[in-house]
Amino acid sequence: MARIEKRTLLRAPQSRVWRAVSESDQFGMWFRIAFDAPFAEGETVRGRILHPGYEHIVGTFEIVRIEPERYFAWRWHPYAIDPDVDYSGEPTTLVEFFLEASGEHTVLTVVESGFERLPAHRRDEALRMNEGGWAEQLRNIAQHVSTE
């Protein structure tokens, strides 16, 4: 099974990390995306990428599960950046955030799974790009939660 798993210790309490992960406006600040609605279990939200060079991309996030302060999961189309391609018929990957307290800090684990279900011509590049993308995003959230 093709998956990405990243784990980091964030120097912030679990409640702070939870807000950064589960509130769409907070999430958007460190992930560089502007969402059209709050995250709610069972709902679909859209977000326009704010990262330079990718502003033309609007991602769709299907919110799968929210377990306050512990677990947050959504589905999306990974590395769906070509504006001329309709990705809606493709399978999605599952992105999961696991939070656990570690003293005054928080261990955050991000898992993205399901790459093996993607079309063969996109699978390797999506996995490679998201592997690097999640490493960058963990640096972004670490900076975001340490500034409050």
Protein backbone atom coordinates (compact mmCIF):
# COMPACT_ATOMS: atom_id res chain seq x y z
CA MET A 1 0.00 0.00 0.00
CA ALA A 2 1.38 3.41 -1.00
CA ARG A 3 1.14 5.91 1.85
CA ILE A 4 2.84 8.85 3.47
CA GLU A 5 3.34 9.10 7.22
CA LYS A 6 4.95 12.11 8.93
CA ARG A 7 5.28 12.67 12.66
CA THR A 8 6.48 15.75 14.53
CA LEU A 9 6.59 17.18 18.03
CA LEU A 10 4.94 20.59 18.13
CA ARG A 11 5.82 22.99 20.91
CA ALA A 12 2.22 23.88 21.63
CA PRO A 13 -0.58 22.41 23.74
CA GLN A 14 -2.94 19.91 22.15
CA SER A 15 -5.85 22.39 22.21
CA ARG A 16 -3.82 24.89 20.14
CA VAL A 17 -2.75 22.27 17.61
CA TRP A 18 -6.33 21.03 17.40
CA ARG A 19 -7.58 24.50 16.44
CA ALA A 20 -4.85 24.78 13.79
CA VAL A 21 -5.88 21.45 12.29
CA SER A 22 -9.67 21.48 12.63
CA GLU A 23 -10.74 25.11 12.10
CA SER A 24 -10.78 25.97 8.41
CA ASP A 25 -9.59 29.57 8.89
CA GLN A 26 -6.67 28.47 11.11
CA PHE A 27 -5.85 25.55 8.80
CA GLY A 28 -5.86 27.89 5.81
CA MET A 29 -3.28 30.17 7.41
CA TRP A 30 -0.53 27.56 7.62
CA PHE A 31 -1.61 25.40 4.66
CA ARG A 32 -1.95 28.50 2.44
CA ILE A 33 -5.50 27.94 1.29
CA ALA A 34 -8.71 30.00 1.52
CA PHE A 35 -11.72 27.82 2.34
CA ASP A 36 -15.31 28.68 1.46
CA ALA A 37 -16.84 27.20 4.65
CA PRO A 38 -15.98 25.81 8.08
CA PHE A 39 -14.99 22.16 8.41
CA ALA A 40 -17.92 19.95 9.45
CA GLU A 41 -18.07 16.17 9.47
CA GLY A 42 -19.85 14.83 6.39
CA GLU A 43 -19.55 18.13 4.50
CA THR A 44 -17.50 19.09 1.46
CA VAL A 45 -15.55 22.35 1.48
CA ARG A 46 -13.60 23.98 -1.27
CA GLY A 47 -10.43 25.96 -0.96
CA ARG A 48 -8.40 28.11 -3.31
CA ILE A 49 -4.65 27.57 -3.02
CA LEU A 50 -2.76 30.73 -2.01
CA HIS A 51 0.76 29.39 -2.66
CA PRO A 52 2.39 31.42 -5.48
CA GLY A 53 2.07 29.68 -8.82
CA TYR A 54 -0.88 27.53 -7.69
CA GLU A 55 -3.55 30.22 -7.19
CA HIS A 56 -5.59 28.77 -10.07
CA ILE A 57 -6.24 25.56 -8.11
CA VAL A 58 -9.41 25.00 -6.12
CA GLY A 59 -9.27 21.85 -4.01
CA THR A 60 -12.22 19.87 -2.73
CA PHE A 61 -12.04 18.43 0.79
CA GLU A 62 -14.61 15.85 1.90
CA ILE A 63 -14.56 15.97 5.70
CA VAL A 64 -14.73 12.34 6.85
CA ARG A 65 -14.43 12.41 10.62
CA ILE A 66 -13.81 14.84 13.46
CA GLU A 67 -12.97 13.59 16.96
CA PRO A 68 -12.19 16.74 18.98
CA GLU A 69 -8.63 17.21 20.12
CA ARG A 70 -7.62 13.75 18.82
CA TYR A 71 -8.43 12.95 15.16
CA PHE A 72 -9.39 14.78 11.97
CA ALA A 73 -9.72 13.20 8.51
CA TRP A 74 -10.66 14.25 4.99
CA ARG A 75 -10.52 12.92 1.42
CA TRP A 76 -9.15 14.81 -1.55
CA HIS A 77 -7.63 14.44 -5.00
CA PRO A 78 -3.88 14.58 -4.37
CA TYR A 79 -1.67 16.78 -6.51
CA ALA A 80 -4.61 17.70 -8.75
CA ILE A 81 -2.97 20.78 -10.25
CA ASP A 82 -3.70 20.67 -14.00
CA PRO A 83 -6.55 23.13 -14.69
CA ASP A 84 -7.40 21.26 -17.90
CA VAL A 85 -8.07 17.93 -16.13
CA ASP A 86 -11.32 16.96 -14.39
CA TYR A 87 -10.20 14.89 -11.41
CA SER A 88 -13.71 14.37 -10.01
CA GLY A 89 -13.99 10.85 -11.45
CA GLU A 90 -10.74 9.68 -9.86
CA PRO A 91 -10.43 7.95 -6.49
CA THR A 92 -9.35 10.13 -3.57
CA THR A 93 -6.74 9.65 -0.88
CA LEU A 94 -7.49 9.80 2.84
CA VAL A 95 -5.60 12.38 4.93
CA GLU A 96 -5.62 11.77 8.68
CA PHE A 97 -4.30 13.91 11.54
CA PHE A 98 -3.63 12.18 14.86
CA LEU A 99 -2.90 14.33 17.93
CA GLU A 100 -1.50 13.14 21.24
CA ALA A 101 -0.28 15.12 24.21
CA SER A 102 3.38 14.92 25.17
CA GLY A 103 3.74 16.93 28.35
CA GLU A 104 3.05 20.54 27.41
CA HIS A 105 3.61 19.75 23.73
CA THR A 106 1.75 17.77 21.06
CA VAL A 107 2.80 14.92 18.82
CA LEU A 108 1.13 15.34 15.43
CA THR A 109 1.06 12.47 12.97
CA VAL A 110 -0.19 12.99 9.42
CA VAL A 111 -1.01 9.95 7.29
CA GLU A 112 -2.11 10.07 3.65
CA SER A 113 -3.16 6.72 2.22
CA GLY A 114 -4.82 5.29 -0.87
CA PHE A 115 -2.30 6.29 -3.55
CA GLU A 116 -2.46 2.77 -4.98
CA ARG A 117 -6.03 3.51 -6.12
CA LEU A 118 -4.98 6.47 -8.28
CA PRO A 119 -4.62 6.12 -12.05
CA ALA A 120 -1.22 4.61 -12.84
CA HIS A 121 -0.09 7.65 -14.86
CA ARG A 122 -0.55 9.95 -11.80
CA ARG A 123 0.29 7.71 -8.86
CA ASP A 124 4.07 8.09 -8.55
CA GLU A 125 4.12 11.85 -9.10
CA ALA A 126 1.25 12.46 -6.65
CA LEU A 127 2.99 10.35 -4.01
CA ARG A 128 6.35 12.06 -4.57
CA MET A 129 4.93 15.59 -4.57
CA ASN A 130 2.76 15.03 -1.49
CA GLU A 131 5.65 13.40 0.37
CA GLY A 132 7.60 16.64 0.01
CA GLY A 133 4.48 18.74 0.49
CA TRP A 134 3.67 17.21 3.88
CA ALA A 135 7.23 17.75 5.07
CA GLU A 136 6.84 21.45 4.22
CA GLN A 137 3.38 21.66 5.76
CA LEU A 138 4.62 20.22 9.06
CA ARG A 139 7.21 22.99 9.17
CA ASN A 140 4.43 25.50 8.44
CA ILE A 141 2.14 24.26 11.23
CA ALA A 142 5.05 24.17 13.69
CA GLN A 143 5.72 27.85 13.00
CA HIS A 144 1.98 28.69 13.07
CA VAL A 145 1.24 27.12 16.45
CA SER A 146 4.35 28.56 18.08
CA THR A 147 3.36 32.15 17.26
CA GLU A 148 0.15 32.33 19.32
